[in-house]
Amino acid sequence: MTKQRLPVLQDSDETVKNKSKKRLPAWFNIKLPNATQQAKFNETKASVKDNKLHTVCEEAKCPNIHDCWSSGDATFMIAGKECTRGCKFCAVGTISKPPPLDEEEPKNLADAVESMNLRHAVITVVNRDDLSDSGAAHYSKCIDEVHKRQPNLTLELLCSDLAGDLDALKLLLENSPLSVFAHNVECVPRLDKKVRDPRASFEQSLLILKQAKKIRPDIITKTSLMVGVGESNDEIIMAMDLIREAKVDLITIGQYLAPSKKHLKVDRFPEPYLYDEWAEVAIEKGFSGVASGPFVRSSFKAGLLLRKTLDPNNNEVLPGAYVKVSDKIFENRHHLSPVAGEANQ
């Protein structure tokens, strides 16, 4: 007998609540890498280390690290490996006075990317509230240097909220070669104080995303929601509405996992089918593309989501996630950034 599924707009009993149980649900099975994957993983790690770089994959203890790195994908983290903020969900270290920015970082980043044979590179940042522009000028230098070396590579920036500084955002985005500008709202509005640093908020994050689209209508904007931090299903839907009102193009939805006992505890583990339903709802609400699943992170296979969003004939599969792309997007592709190399054809 088939189990009847509850509508996504209701809080479902098909959610495993975290009541001090150490066991993860049965669907959390991470496969160990094979010999070929491990070799590629080691090669990527060596390239990162040789160029004195950091990756959010390592610092945030991402469960997908072997999958991404074995396929040659990595998300580079610039401006240091410690953040000036202390969000309760994040494994990245916190520091009030970070060391100065590394002037060699743009070159080192470009060296690493050039050596890795990537199609799409994600660059993410720590918060740098100690800097007058929150690091925007440095981020721009890094992006430009990578683009200069690899002009056909699509680039994605997973940015901080720049402390709400719209002038810094303009400095960063004007004439930028970015294909995707991403900034994560992280959680539903009600949980800001519980989940995020006091200097961050859903409202401020939406302001940055909305303004980014105004500054560069051609750039694809993207955000991410974590589930399992205390939200209801209704709140996820309401958050989607607010995000879409800011004209955000892409959204990812994934399960929060506590990096340690000191971090925010997991509240629940929604059943996998709910992620499928959230993806369907996101497309109905007007998002161009969505990746939704327990293992999904904002940067996981980010290039694949971009390619599927821009190419109606792309048949790649995102492992462990439900990827949904709007049919309508292909009728209005002129407002989105082109696939790498397409602009010169």
C-alpha atoms as a PDB file:
ATOM      1  CA  MET A   1       0.000   0.000   0.000  1.00  0.00           C
ATOM      2  CA  THR A   2       1.403   3.381  -1.037  1.00  0.00           C
ATOM      3  CA  LYS A   3       1.843   5.910   1.740  1.00  0.00           C
ATOM      4  CA  GLN A   4      -0.205   9.048   1.175  1.00  0.00           C
ATOM      5  CA  ARG A   5       1.890  12.172   1.007  1.00  0.00           C
ATOM      6  CA  LEU A   6       0.832  15.283   2.822  1.00  0.00           C
ATOM      7  CA  PRO A   7       0.745  18.617   0.969  1.00  0.00           C
ATOM      8  CA  VAL A   8       3.971  20.544   1.197  1.00  0.00           C
ATOM      9  CA  LEU A   9       2.155  23.533   2.677  1.00  0.00           C
ATOM     10  CA  GLN A  10       1.427  21.590   5.843  1.00  0.00           C
ATOM     11  CA  ASP A  11       3.798  20.431   8.528  1.00  0.00           C
ATOM     12  CA  SER A  12       4.218  16.751   7.771  1.00  0.00           C
ATOM     13  CA  ASP A  13       4.531  13.768  10.046  1.00  0.00           C
ATOM     14  CA  GLU A  14       7.014  12.501   7.449  1.00  0.00           C
ATOM     15  CA  THR A  15       9.712  14.519   9.179  1.00  0.00           C
ATOM     16  CA  VAL A  16      12.171  12.890  11.512  1.00  0.00           C
ATOM     17  CA  LYS A  17      12.528  15.080  14.575  1.00  0.00           C
ATOM     18  CA  ASN A  18      15.906  15.313  16.262  1.00  0.00           C
ATOM     19  CA  LYS A  19      15.369  14.252  19.881  1.00  0.00           C
ATOM     20  CA  SER A  20      18.956  13.776  20.952  1.00  0.00           C
ATOM     21  CA  LYS A  21      19.247  10.772  18.628  1.00  0.00           C
ATOM     22  CA  LYS A  22      22.711  10.285  17.201  1.00  0.00           C
ATOM     23  CA  ARG A  23      21.598   8.198  14.239  1.00  0.00           C
ATOM     24  CA  LEU A  24      20.994   9.897  10.919  1.00  0.00           C
ATOM     25  CA  PRO A  25      18.011   8.846   8.794  1.00  0.00           C
ATOM     26  CA  ALA A  26      18.477   5.951   6.400  1.00  0.00           C
ATOM     27  CA  TRP A  27      18.680   8.241   3.365  1.00  0.00           C
ATOM     28  CA  PHE A  28      21.919   9.811   4.680  1.00  0.00           C
ATOM     29  CA  ASN A  29      24.343   7.399   3.097  1.00  0.00           C
ATOM     30  CA  ILE A  30      27.580   8.897   1.779  1.00  0.00           C
ATOM     31  CA  LYS A  31      29.516   6.557  -0.477  1.00  0.00           C
ATOM     32  CA  LEU A  32      33.256   6.311   0.048  1.00  0.00           C
ATOM     33  CA  PRO A  33      35.334   7.382  -2.964  1.00  0.00           C
ATOM     34  CA  ASN A  34      36.824   4.731  -5.241  1.00  0.00           C
ATOM     35  CA  ALA A  35      40.516   4.690  -6.150  1.00  0.00           C
ATOM     36  CA  THR A  36      40.095   6.941  -9.201  1.00  0.00           C
ATOM     37  CA  GLN A  37      38.002   9.463  -7.280  1.00  0.00           C
ATOM     38  CA  GLN A  38      40.461   9.471  -4.389  1.00  0.00           C
ATOM     39  CA  ALA A  39      43.347  10.158  -6.768  1.00  0.00           C
ATOM     40  CA  LYS A  40      41.514  13.138  -8.288  1.00  0.00           C
ATOM     41  CA  PHE A  41      40.568  14.351  -4.808  1.00  0.00           C
ATOM     42  CA  ASN A  42      44.226  14.241  -3.758  1.00  0.00           C
ATOM     43  CA  GLU A  43      45.244  16.125  -6.895  1.00  0.00           C
ATOM     44  CA  THR A  44      42.718  18.884  -6.202  1.00  0.00           C
ATOM     45  CA  LYS A  45      43.767  19.127  -2.569  1.00  0.00           C
ATOM     46  CA  ALA A  46      47.416  19.432  -3.590  1.00  0.00           C
ATOM     47  CA  SER A  47      46.601  22.261  -6.002  1.00  0.00           C
ATOM     48  CA  VAL A  48      44.718  24.135  -3.289  1.00  0.00           C
ATOM     49  CA  LYS A  49      47.554  23.656  -0.796  1.00  0.00           C
ATOM     50  CA  ASP A  50      50.309  24.556  -3.262  1.00  0.00           C
ATOM     51  CA  ASN A  51      48.636  27.876  -4.007  1.00  0.00           C
ATOM     52  CA  LYS A  52      48.076  28.682  -0.329  1.00  0.00           C
ATOM     53  CA  LEU A  53      44.318  28.762  -0.739  1.00  0.00           C
ATOM     54  CA  HIS A  54      41.357  27.785   1.404  1.00  0.00           C
ATOM     55  CA  THR A  55      38.142  26.078   0.361  1.00  0.00           C
ATOM     56  CA  VAL A  56      34.741  26.287   1.959  1.00  0.00           C
ATOM     57  CA  CYS A  57      34.545  22.560   1.240  1.00  0.00           C
ATOM     58  CA  GLU A  58      37.152  21.939   3.948  1.00  0.00           C
ATOM     59  CA  GLU A  59      36.449  24.793   6.353  1.00  0.00           C
ATOM     60  CA  ALA A  60      32.686  24.157   6.433  1.00  0.00           C
ATOM     61  CA  LYS A  61      33.156  20.371   6.597  1.00  0.00           C
ATOM     62  CA  CYS A  62      30.906  19.794   3.591  1.00  0.00           C
ATOM     63  CA  PRO A  63      29.706  16.161   3.283  1.00  0.00           C
ATOM     64  CA  ASN A  64      30.007  16.376  -0.518  1.00  0.00           C
ATOM     65  CA  ILE A  65      33.729  17.145  -0.603  1.00  0.00           C
ATOM     66  CA  HIS A  66      34.860  13.860  -2.175  1.00  0.00           C
ATOM     67  CA  ASP A  67      32.095  13.922  -4.776  1.00  0.00           C
ATOM     68  CA  CYS A  68      32.884  17.483  -5.865  1.00  0.00           C
ATOM     69  CA  TRP A  69      36.659  17.278  -5.678  1.00  0.00           C
ATOM     70  CA  SER A  70      36.837  13.926  -7.432  1.00  0.00           C
ATOM     71  CA  SER A  71      35.014  15.511 -10.382  1.00  0.00           C
ATOM     72  CA  GLY A  72      37.405  18.469 -10.390  1.00  0.00           C
ATOM     73  CA  ASP A  73      34.979  20.947  -8.806  1.00  0.00           C
ATOM     74  CA  ALA A  74      35.858  23.043  -5.774  1.00  0.00           C
ATOM     75  CA  THR A  75      34.594  26.191  -4.121  1.00  0.00           C
ATOM     76  CA  PHE A  76      37.444  28.487  -3.220  1.00  0.00           C
ATOM     77  CA  MET A  77      37.206  30.664  -0.129  1.00  0.00           C
ATOM     78  CA  ILE A  78      39.063  33.968  -0.270  1.00  0.00           C
ATOM     79  CA  ALA A  79      39.910  36.775   2.158  1.00  0.00           C
ATOM     80  CA  GLY A  80      41.071  34.363   4.859  1.00  0.00           C
ATOM     81  CA  LYS A  81      39.858  31.190   6.498  1.00  0.00           C
ATOM     82  CA  GLU A  82      38.223  32.850   9.514  1.00  0.00           C
ATOM     83  CA  CYS A  83      35.124  35.029   9.589  1.00  0.00           C
ATOM     84  CA  THR A  84      34.383  38.169  11.581  1.00  0.00           C
ATOM     85  CA  ARG A  85      30.914  36.791  12.343  1.00  0.00           C
ATOM     86  CA  GLY A  86      29.806  33.878  14.474  1.00  0.00           C
ATOM     87  CA  CYS A  87      26.720  32.272  12.945  1.00  0.00           C
ATOM     88  CA  LYS A  88      25.535  29.364  15.055  1.00  0.00           C
ATOM     89  CA  PHE A  89      25.322  26.891  12.164  1.00  0.00           C
ATOM     90  CA  CYS A  90      28.691  27.505  10.526  1.00  0.00           C
ATOM     91  CA  ALA A  91      31.910  25.522  10.978  1.00  0.00           C
ATOM     92  CA  VAL A  92      34.140  28.311   9.650  1.00  0.00           C
ATOM     93  CA  GLY A  93      36.242  29.821  12.443  1.00  0.00           C
ATOM     94  CA  THR A  94      35.483  33.226  13.956  1.00  0.00           C
ATOM     95  CA  ILE A  95      37.952  36.043  14.581  1.00  0.00           C
ATOM     96  CA  SER A  96      37.394  39.703  15.526  1.00  0.00           C
ATOM     97  CA  LYS A  97      40.590  41.046  13.952  1.00  0.00           C
ATOM     98  CA  PRO A  98      41.620  38.973  10.906  1.00  0.00           C
ATOM     99  CA  PRO A  99      45.090  39.294   9.371  1.00  0.00           C
ATOM    100  CA  PRO A 100      45.489  41.677   6.404  1.00  0.00           C
ATOM    101  CA  LEU A 101      44.298  40.564   2.999  1.00  0.00           C
ATOM    102  CA  ASP A 102      46.835  38.585   0.977  1.00  0.00           C
ATOM    103  CA  GLU A 103      47.865  40.713  -2.011  1.00  0.00           C
ATOM    104  CA  GLU A 104      49.039  37.570  -3.808  1.00  0.00           C
ATOM    105  CA  GLU A 105      45.671  35.854  -3.458  1.00  0.00           C
ATOM    106  CA  PRO A 106      44.260  36.918  -6.869  1.00  0.00           C
ATOM    107  CA  LYS A 107      47.309  35.409  -8.612  1.00  0.00           C
ATOM    108  CA  ASN A 108      47.346  32.282  -6.443  1.00  0.00           C
ATOM    109  CA  LEU A 109      43.627  31.734  -7.025  1.00  0.00           C
ATOM    110  CA  ALA A 110      44.022  32.107 -10.778  1.00  0.00           C
ATOM    111  CA  ASP A 111      46.987  29.705 -10.735  1.00  0.00           C
ATOM    112  CA  ALA A 112      44.929  27.062  -8.945  1.00  0.00           C
ATOM    113  CA  VAL A 113      41.852  27.427 -11.145  1.00  0.00           C
ATOM    114  CA  GLU A 114      43.972  27.333 -14.276  1.00  0.00           C
ATOM    115  CA  SER A 115      45.575  24.059 -13.185  1.00  0.00           C
ATOM    116  CA  MET A 116      42.301  22.274 -12.431  1.00  0.00           C
ATOM    117  CA  ASN A 117      40.586  22.146 -15.836  1.00  0.00           C
ATOM    118  CA  LEU A 118      37.252  23.504 -14.556  1.00  0.00           C
ATOM    119  CA  ARG A 119      34.179  24.556 -16.518  1.00  0.00           C
ATOM    120  CA  HIS A 120      32.688  26.579 -13.675  1.00  0.00           C
ATOM    121  CA  ALA A 121      34.362  28.040 -10.618  1.00  0.00           C
ATOM    122  CA  VAL A 122      32.690  29.182  -7.408  1.00  0.00           C
ATOM    123  CA  ILE A 123      34.448  31.773  -5.279  1.00  0.00           C
ATOM    124  CA  THR A 124      33.089  32.313  -1.794  1.00  0.00           C
ATOM    125  CA  VAL A 125      34.167  34.692   0.933  1.00  0.00           C
ATOM    126  CA  VAL A 126      34.251  35.081   4.669  1.00  0.00           C
ATOM    127  CA  ASN A 127      32.680  38.172   6.204  1.00  0.00           C
ATOM    128  CA  ARG A 128      35.221  40.958   6.582  1.00  0.00           C
ATOM    129  CA  ASP A 129      33.399  43.505   8.722  1.00  0.00           C
ATOM    130  CA  ASP A 130      36.812  44.897   9.677  1.00  0.00           C
ATOM    131  CA  LEU A 131      37.261  46.382   6.171  1.00  0.00           C
ATOM    132  CA  SER A 132      35.602  49.594   5.017  1.00  0.00           C
ATOM    133  CA  ASP A 133      34.238  47.926   1.861  1.00  0.00           C
ATOM    134  CA  SER A 134      33.802  44.473   3.472  1.00  0.00           C
ATOM    135  CA  GLY A 135      36.422  43.194   1.027  1.00  0.00           C
ATOM    136  CA  ALA A 136      34.559  44.093  -2.194  1.00  0.00           C
ATOM    137  CA  ALA A 137      37.602  45.533  -3.983  1.00  0.00           C
ATOM    138  CA  HIS A 138      39.666  42.444  -3.164  1.00  0.00           C
ATOM    139  CA  TYR A 139      36.894  40.109  -4.335  1.00  0.00           C
ATOM    140  CA  SER A 140      36.740  42.021  -7.602  1.00  0.00           C
ATOM    141  CA  LYS A 141      40.502  41.648  -8.140  1.00  0.00           C
ATOM    142  CA  CYS A 142      40.289  37.904  -7.572  1.00  0.00           C
ATOM    143  CA  ILE A 143      37.406  37.485 -10.006  1.00  0.00           C
ATOM    144  CA  ASP A 144      39.062  39.619 -12.679  1.00  0.00           C
ATOM    145  CA  GLU A 145      42.363  37.733 -12.437  1.00  0.00           C
ATOM    146  CA  VAL A 146      40.665  34.353 -12.841  1.00  0.00           C
ATOM    147  CA  HIS A 147      38.647  35.643 -15.806  1.00  0.00           C
ATOM    148  CA  LYS A 148      41.770  37.062 -17.449  1.00  0.00           C
ATOM    149  CA  ARG A 149      43.414  33.628 -17.331  1.00  0.00           C
ATOM    150  CA  GLN A 150      40.300  31.606 -18.155  1.00  0.00           C
ATOM    151  CA  PRO A 151      37.936  33.811 -20.213  1.00  0.00           C
ATOM    152  CA  ASN A 152      35.631  30.910 -21.166  1.00  0.00           C
ATOM    153  CA  LEU A 153      35.137  29.757 -17.584  1.00  0.00           C
ATOM    154  CA  THR A 154      31.797  30.669 -16.015  1.00  0.00           C
ATOM    155  CA  LEU A 155      32.277  32.313 -12.633  1.00  0.00           C
ATOM    156  CA  GLU A 156      30.038  32.371  -9.575  1.00  0.00           C
ATOM    157  CA  LEU A 157      30.563  34.476  -6.463  1.00  0.00           C
ATOM    158  CA  LEU A 158      28.977  33.341  -3.213  1.00  0.00           C
ATOM    159  CA  CYS A 159      29.212  36.678  -1.473  1.00  0.00           C
ATOM    160  CA  SER A 160      28.718  38.040   2.026  1.00  0.00           C
ATOM    161  CA  ASP A 161      26.054  40.670   2.644  1.00  0.00           C
ATOM    162  CA  LEU A 162      28.825  43.324   2.539  1.00  0.00           C
ATOM    163  CA  ALA A 163      27.314  44.699   5.764  1.00  0.00           C
ATOM    164  CA  GLY A 164      24.469  46.067   3.640  1.00  0.00           C
ATOM    165  CA  ASP A 165      26.832  48.480   1.848  1.00  0.00           C
ATOM    166  CA  LEU A 166      25.235  49.084  -1.568  1.00  0.00           C
ATOM    167  CA  ASP A 167      28.159  51.222  -2.771  1.00  0.00           C
ATOM    168  CA  ALA A 168      30.502  48.290  -2.120  1.00  0.00           C
ATOM    169  CA  LEU A 169      28.106  46.019  -4.018  1.00  0.00           C
ATOM    170  CA  LYS A 170      28.133  48.400  -6.979  1.00  0.00           C
ATOM    171  CA  LEU A 171      31.934  48.482  -6.940  1.00  0.00           C
ATOM    172  CA  LEU A 172      31.975  44.698  -6.984  1.00  0.00           C
ATOM    173  CA  LEU A 173      29.412  44.103  -9.720  1.00  0.00           C
ATOM    174  CA  GLU A 174      29.900  46.869 -12.274  1.00  0.00           C
ATOM    175  CA  ASN A 175      31.745  45.461 -15.307  1.00  0.00           C
ATOM    176  CA  SER A 176      32.239  42.151 -13.507  1.00  0.00           C
ATOM    177  CA  PRO A 177      32.629  38.984 -15.618  1.00  0.00           C
ATOM    178  CA  LEU A 178      30.469  37.026 -13.162  1.00  0.00           C
ATOM    179  CA  SER A 179      27.739  34.749 -14.507  1.00  0.00           C
ATOM    180  CA  VAL A 180      26.175  34.161 -11.076  1.00  0.00           C
ATOM    181  CA  PHE A 181      25.977  36.366  -7.994  1.00  0.00           C
ATOM    182  CA  ALA A 182      24.943  34.294  -4.980  1.00  0.00           C
ATOM    183  CA  HIS A 183      24.213  35.271  -1.407  1.00  0.00           C
ATOM    184  CA  ASN A 184      22.504  32.972   1.076  1.00  0.00           C
ATOM    185  CA  VAL A 185      19.545  33.994   3.208  1.00  0.00           C
ATOM    186  CA  GLU A 186      20.321  30.769   5.151  1.00  0.00           C
ATOM    187  CA  CYS A 187      17.048  30.407   7.088  1.00  0.00           C
ATOM    188  CA  VAL A 188      13.490  31.691   7.281  1.00  0.00           C
ATOM    189  CA  PRO A 189      13.125  35.248   8.695  1.00  0.00           C
ATOM    190  CA  ARG A 190      11.790  34.211  12.108  1.00  0.00           C
ATOM    191  CA  LEU A 191      14.956  32.251  12.866  1.00  0.00           C
ATOM    192  CA  ASP A 192      17.521  34.970  12.103  1.00  0.00           C
ATOM    193  CA  LYS A 193      18.402  35.556  15.748  1.00  0.00           C
ATOM    194  CA  LYS A 194      18.581  31.842  16.498  1.00  0.00           C
ATOM    195  CA  VAL A 195      20.681  30.856  13.489  1.00  0.00           C
ATOM    196  CA  ARG A 196      22.695  33.825  12.244  1.00  0.00           C
ATOM    197  CA  ASP A 197      25.087  36.418  13.646  1.00  0.00           C
ATOM    198  CA  PRO A 198      23.278  39.526  14.988  1.00  0.00           C
ATOM    199  CA  ARG A 199      24.796  41.573  12.145  1.00  0.00           C
ATOM    200  CA  ALA A 200      23.012  39.431   9.546  1.00  0.00           C
ATOM    201  CA  SER A 201      19.324  39.281   8.705  1.00  0.00           C
ATOM    202  CA  PHE A 202      16.947  37.929   6.088  1.00  0.00           C
ATOM    203  CA  GLU A 203      15.949  41.514   5.282  1.00  0.00           C
ATOM    204  CA  GLN A 204      19.531  42.658   4.706  1.00  0.00           C
ATOM    205  CA  SER A 205      20.297  39.600   2.594  1.00  0.00           C
ATOM    206  CA  LEU A 206      17.262  40.255   0.410  1.00  0.00           C
ATOM    207  CA  LEU A 207      18.339  43.882   0.008  1.00  0.00           C
ATOM    208  CA  ILE A 208      21.716  42.758  -1.379  1.00  0.00           C
ATOM    209  CA  LEU A 209      20.117  40.249  -3.761  1.00  0.00           C
ATOM    210  CA  LYS A 210      17.505  42.728  -4.954  1.00  0.00           C
ATOM    211  CA  GLN A 211      20.072  45.475  -5.519  1.00  0.00           C
ATOM    212  CA  ALA A 212      22.432  43.093  -7.329  1.00  0.00           C
ATOM    213  CA  LYS A 213      19.722  42.453  -9.901  1.00  0.00           C
ATOM    214  CA  LYS A 214      19.141  46.194 -10.306  1.00  0.00           C
ATOM    215  CA  ILE A 215      22.841  46.883 -10.823  1.00  0.00           C
ATOM    216  CA  ARG A 216      23.315  43.992 -13.251  1.00  0.00           C
ATOM    217  CA  PRO A 217      20.035  42.638 -14.671  1.00  0.00           C
ATOM    218  CA  ASP A 218      22.049  40.247 -16.854  1.00  0.00           C
ATOM    219  CA  ILE A 219      23.651  38.450 -13.903  1.00  0.00           C
ATOM    220  CA  ILE A 220      21.892  35.390 -12.507  1.00  0.00           C
ATOM    221  CA  THR A 221      21.145  35.755  -8.804  1.00  0.00           C
ATOM    222  CA  LYS A 222      21.004  32.811  -6.448  1.00  0.00           C
ATOM    223  CA  THR A 223      20.336  31.998  -2.794  1.00  0.00           C
ATOM    224  CA  SER A 224      20.054  29.035  -0.453  1.00  0.00           C
ATOM    225  CA  LEU A 225      17.802  27.880   2.375  1.00  0.00           C
ATOM    226  CA  MET A 226      18.726  25.378   5.087  1.00  0.00           C
ATOM    227  CA  VAL A 227      16.029  23.178   6.596  1.00  0.00           C
ATOM    228  CA  GLY A 228      16.182  21.483   9.956  1.00  0.00           C
ATOM    229  CA  VAL A 229      16.903  24.576  12.053  1.00  0.00           C
ATOM    230  CA  GLY A 230      13.412  25.035  13.483  1.00  0.00           C
ATOM    231  CA  GLU A 231      11.335  26.222  10.542  1.00  0.00           C
ATOM    232  CA  SER A 232       7.900  24.957   9.514  1.00  0.00           C
ATOM    233  CA  ASN A 233       6.961  23.891   5.993  1.00  0.00           C
ATOM    234  CA  ASP A 234       4.676  26.912   5.722  1.00  0.00           C
ATOM    235  CA  GLU A 235       7.592  29.202   6.549  1.00  0.00           C
ATOM    236  CA  ILE A 236       9.687  27.665   3.778  1.00  0.00           C
ATOM    237  CA  ILE A 237       6.971  28.530   1.278  1.00  0.00           C
ATOM    238  CA  MET A 238       6.635  32.071   2.644  1.00  0.00           C
ATOM    239  CA  ALA A 239      10.413  32.526   2.465  1.00  0.00           C
ATOM    240  CA  MET A 240      10.309  31.443  -1.181  1.00  0.00           C
ATOM    241  CA  ASP A 241       7.719  34.135  -1.875  1.00  0.00           C
ATOM    242  CA  LEU A 242       9.913  36.835  -0.333  1.00  0.00           C
ATOM    243  CA  ILE A 243      12.993  35.624  -2.197  1.00  0.00           C
ATOM    244  CA  ARG A 244      11.184  35.520  -5.514  1.00  0.00           C
ATOM    245  CA  GLU A 245       9.858  39.047  -4.942  1.00  0.00           C
ATOM    246  CA  ALA A 246      13.517  40.105  -4.942  1.00  0.00           C
ATOM    247  CA  LYS A 247      13.746  38.615  -8.466  1.00  0.00           C
ATOM    248  CA  VAL A 248      16.193  35.897  -7.429  1.00  0.00           C
ATOM    249  CA  ASP A 249      16.651  33.395 -10.279  1.00  0.00           C
ATOM    250  CA  LEU A 250      18.004  30.250  -8.605  1.00  0.00           C
ATOM    251  CA  ILE A 251      17.398  28.668  -5.211  1.00  0.00           C
ATOM    252  CA  THR A 252      18.871  25.644  -3.468  1.00  0.00           C
ATOM    253  CA  ILE A 253      17.346  23.844  -0.481  1.00  0.00           C
ATOM    254  CA  GLY A 254      19.296  21.415   1.696  1.00  0.00           C
ATOM    255  CA  GLN A 255      19.480  19.749   5.099  1.00  0.00           C
ATOM    256  CA  TYR A 256      21.370  21.449   7.915  1.00  0.00           C
ATOM    257  CA  LEU A 257      23.905  19.214   9.652  1.00  0.00           C
ATOM    258  CA  ALA A 258      25.517  20.364  12.899  1.00  0.00           C
ATOM    259  CA  PRO A 259      29.322  20.595  12.455  1.00  0.00           C
ATOM    260  CA  SER A 260      29.877  19.873  16.154  1.00  0.00           C
ATOM    261  CA  LYS A 261      28.083  19.570  19.494  1.00  0.00           C
ATOM    262  CA  LYS A 262      28.782  23.259  20.105  1.00  0.00           C
ATOM    263  CA  HIS A 263      26.783  24.331  17.091  1.00  0.00           C
ATOM    264  CA  LEU A 264      23.044  24.697  16.628  1.00  0.00           C
ATOM    265  CA  LYS A 265      21.270  21.350  17.005  1.00  0.00           C
ATOM    266  CA  VAL A 266      19.407  19.795  14.100  1.00  0.00           C
ATOM    267  CA  ASP A 267      15.668  20.186  14.629  1.00  0.00           C
ATOM    268  CA  ARG A 268      14.405  17.716  12.038  1.00  0.00           C
ATOM    269  CA  PHE A 269      15.231  15.655   8.956  1.00  0.00           C
ATOM    270  CA  PRO A 270      12.510  16.177   6.322  1.00  0.00           C
ATOM    271  CA  GLU A 271      11.798  13.116   4.192  1.00  0.00           C
ATOM    272  CA  PRO A 272      13.392  13.223   0.708  1.00  0.00           C
ATOM    273  CA  TYR A 273      10.061  13.529  -1.107  1.00  0.00           C
ATOM    274  CA  LEU A 274       9.452  16.894   0.542  1.00  0.00           C
ATOM    275  CA  TYR A 275      12.503  18.280  -1.264  1.00  0.00           C
ATOM    276  CA  ASP A 276      10.933  17.186  -4.553  1.00  0.00           C
ATOM    277  CA  GLU A 277       7.729  18.990  -3.674  1.00  0.00           C
ATOM    278  CA  TRP A 278       9.597  22.142  -2.601  1.00  0.00           C
ATOM    279  CA  ALA A 279      11.373  22.115  -5.963  1.00  0.00           C
ATOM    280  CA  GLU A 280       8.051  21.933  -7.790  1.00  0.00           C
ATOM    281  CA  VAL A 281       6.659  24.789  -5.704  1.00  0.00           C
ATOM    282  CA  ALA A 282       9.767  26.905  -6.408  1.00  0.00           C
ATOM    283  CA  ILE A 283       9.306  26.569 -10.161  1.00  0.00           C
ATOM    284  CA  GLU A 284       5.607  27.383  -9.839  1.00  0.00           C
ATOM    285  CA  LYS A 285       6.580  30.568  -8.031  1.00  0.00           C
ATOM    286  CA  GLY A 286       8.799  31.671 -10.900  1.00  0.00           C
ATOM    287  CA  PHE A 287      12.331  30.575 -10.044  1.00  0.00           C
ATOM    288  CA  SER A 288      14.363  29.739 -13.148  1.00  0.00           C
ATOM    289  CA  GLY A 289      16.003  26.730 -11.516  1.00  0.00           C
ATOM    290  CA  VAL A 290      16.181  24.879  -8.212  1.00  0.00           C
ATOM    291  CA  ALA A 291      18.313  22.146  -6.659  1.00  0.00           C
ATOM    292  CA  SER A 292      16.636  20.546  -3.667  1.00  0.00           C
ATOM    293  CA  GLY A 293      17.711  17.548  -1.599  1.00  0.00           C
ATOM    294  CA  PRO A 294      19.132  16.507   1.783  1.00  0.00           C
ATOM    295  CA  PHE A 295      22.747  16.767   0.605  1.00  0.00           C
ATOM    296  CA  VAL A 296      22.353  19.926  -1.450  1.00  0.00           C
ATOM    297  CA  ARG A 297      24.569  22.873  -0.543  1.00  0.00           C
ATOM    298  CA  SER A 298      24.576  26.231  -2.317  1.00  0.00           C
ATOM    299  CA  SER A 299      27.847  25.471  -4.095  1.00  0.00           C
ATOM    300  CA  PHE A 300      27.382  21.733  -4.711  1.00  0.00           C
ATOM    301  CA  LYS A 301      27.630  21.112  -8.469  1.00  0.00           C
ATOM    302  CA  ALA A 302      26.827  24.789  -8.983  1.00  0.00           C
ATOM    303  CA  GLY A 303      28.069  24.698 -12.564  1.00  0.00           C
ATOM    304  CA  LEU A 304      25.670  21.890 -13.391  1.00  0.00           C
ATOM    305  CA  LEU A 305      22.668  23.849 -12.110  1.00  0.00           C
ATOM    306  CA  LEU A 306      23.784  26.853 -14.167  1.00  0.00           C
ATOM    307  CA  ARG A 307      24.231  24.776 -17.327  1.00  0.00           C
ATOM    308  CA  LYS A 308      20.841  23.117 -16.944  1.00  0.00           C
ATOM    309  CA  THR A 309      19.224  26.491 -16.375  1.00  0.00           C
ATOM    310  CA  LEU A 310      20.709  27.937 -19.548  1.00  0.00           C
ATOM    311  CA  ASP A 311      20.627  24.891 -21.825  1.00  0.00           C
ATOM    312  CA  PRO A 312      17.303  23.114 -22.442  1.00  0.00           C
ATOM    313  CA  ASN A 313      19.150  20.134 -23.936  1.00  0.00           C
ATOM    314  CA  ASN A 314      21.396  19.521 -20.931  1.00  0.00           C
ATOM    315  CA  ASN A 315      20.750  16.046 -19.521  1.00  0.00           C
ATOM    316  CA  GLU A 316      23.304  15.996 -16.691  1.00  0.00           C
ATOM    317  CA  VAL A 317      22.120  14.638 -13.340  1.00  0.00           C
ATOM    318  CA  LEU A 318      22.761  16.100  -9.901  1.00  0.00           C
ATOM    319  CA  PRO A 319      23.410  13.111  -7.587  1.00  0.00           C
ATOM    320  CA  GLY A 320      21.267  13.047  -4.451  1.00  0.00           C
ATOM    321  CA  ALA A 321      19.140  16.013  -5.433  1.00  0.00           C
ATOM    322  CA  TYR A 322      16.023  16.947  -7.315  1.00  0.00           C
ATOM    323  CA  VAL A 323      16.855  19.508  -9.999  1.00  0.00           C
ATOM    324  CA  LYS A 324      13.983  21.366 -11.605  1.00  0.00           C
ATOM    325  CA  VAL A 325      14.354  23.986 -14.325  1.00  0.00           C
ATOM    326  CA  SER A 326      11.593  26.221 -15.591  1.00  0.00           C
ATOM    327  CA  ASP A 327      10.524  25.736 -19.216  1.00  0.00           C
ATOM    328  CA  LYS A 328       9.743  29.441 -19.385  1.00  0.00           C
ATOM    329  CA  ILE A 329      13.371  30.411 -18.904  1.00  0.00           C
ATOM    330  CA  PHE A 330      14.295  29.283 -22.403  1.00  0.00           C
ATOM    331  CA  GLU A 331      11.834  31.728 -23.917  1.00  0.00           C
ATOM    332  CA  ASN A 332      13.554  34.647 -22.159  1.00  0.00           C
ATOM    333  CA  ARG A 333      17.218  33.708 -22.094  1.00  0.00           C
ATOM    334  CA  HIS A 334      18.331  37.166 -23.237  1.00  0.00           C
ATOM    335  CA  HIS A 335      18.229  38.504 -19.664  1.00  0.00           C
ATOM    336  CA  LEU A 336      20.589  35.840 -18.343  1.00  0.00           C
ATOM    337  CA  SER A 337      24.362  35.562 -18.693  1.00  0.00           C
ATOM    338  CA  PRO A 338      25.482  33.315 -21.556  1.00  0.00           C
ATOM    339  CA  VAL A 339      27.072  29.901 -21.280  1.00  0.00           C
ATOM    340  CA  ALA A 340      30.866  30.157 -21.318  1.00  0.00           C
ATOM    341  CA  GLY A 341      32.113  30.899 -24.794  1.00  0.00           C
ATOM    342  CA  GLU A 342      28.639  31.508 -26.233  1.00  0.00           C
ATOM    343  CA  ALA A 343      28.957  35.293 -26.101  1.00  0.00           C
ATOM    344  CA  ASN A 344      31.775  35.194 -28.654  1.00  0.00           C
ATOM    345  CA  GLN A 345      29.976  33.005 -31.159  1.00  0.00           C
END
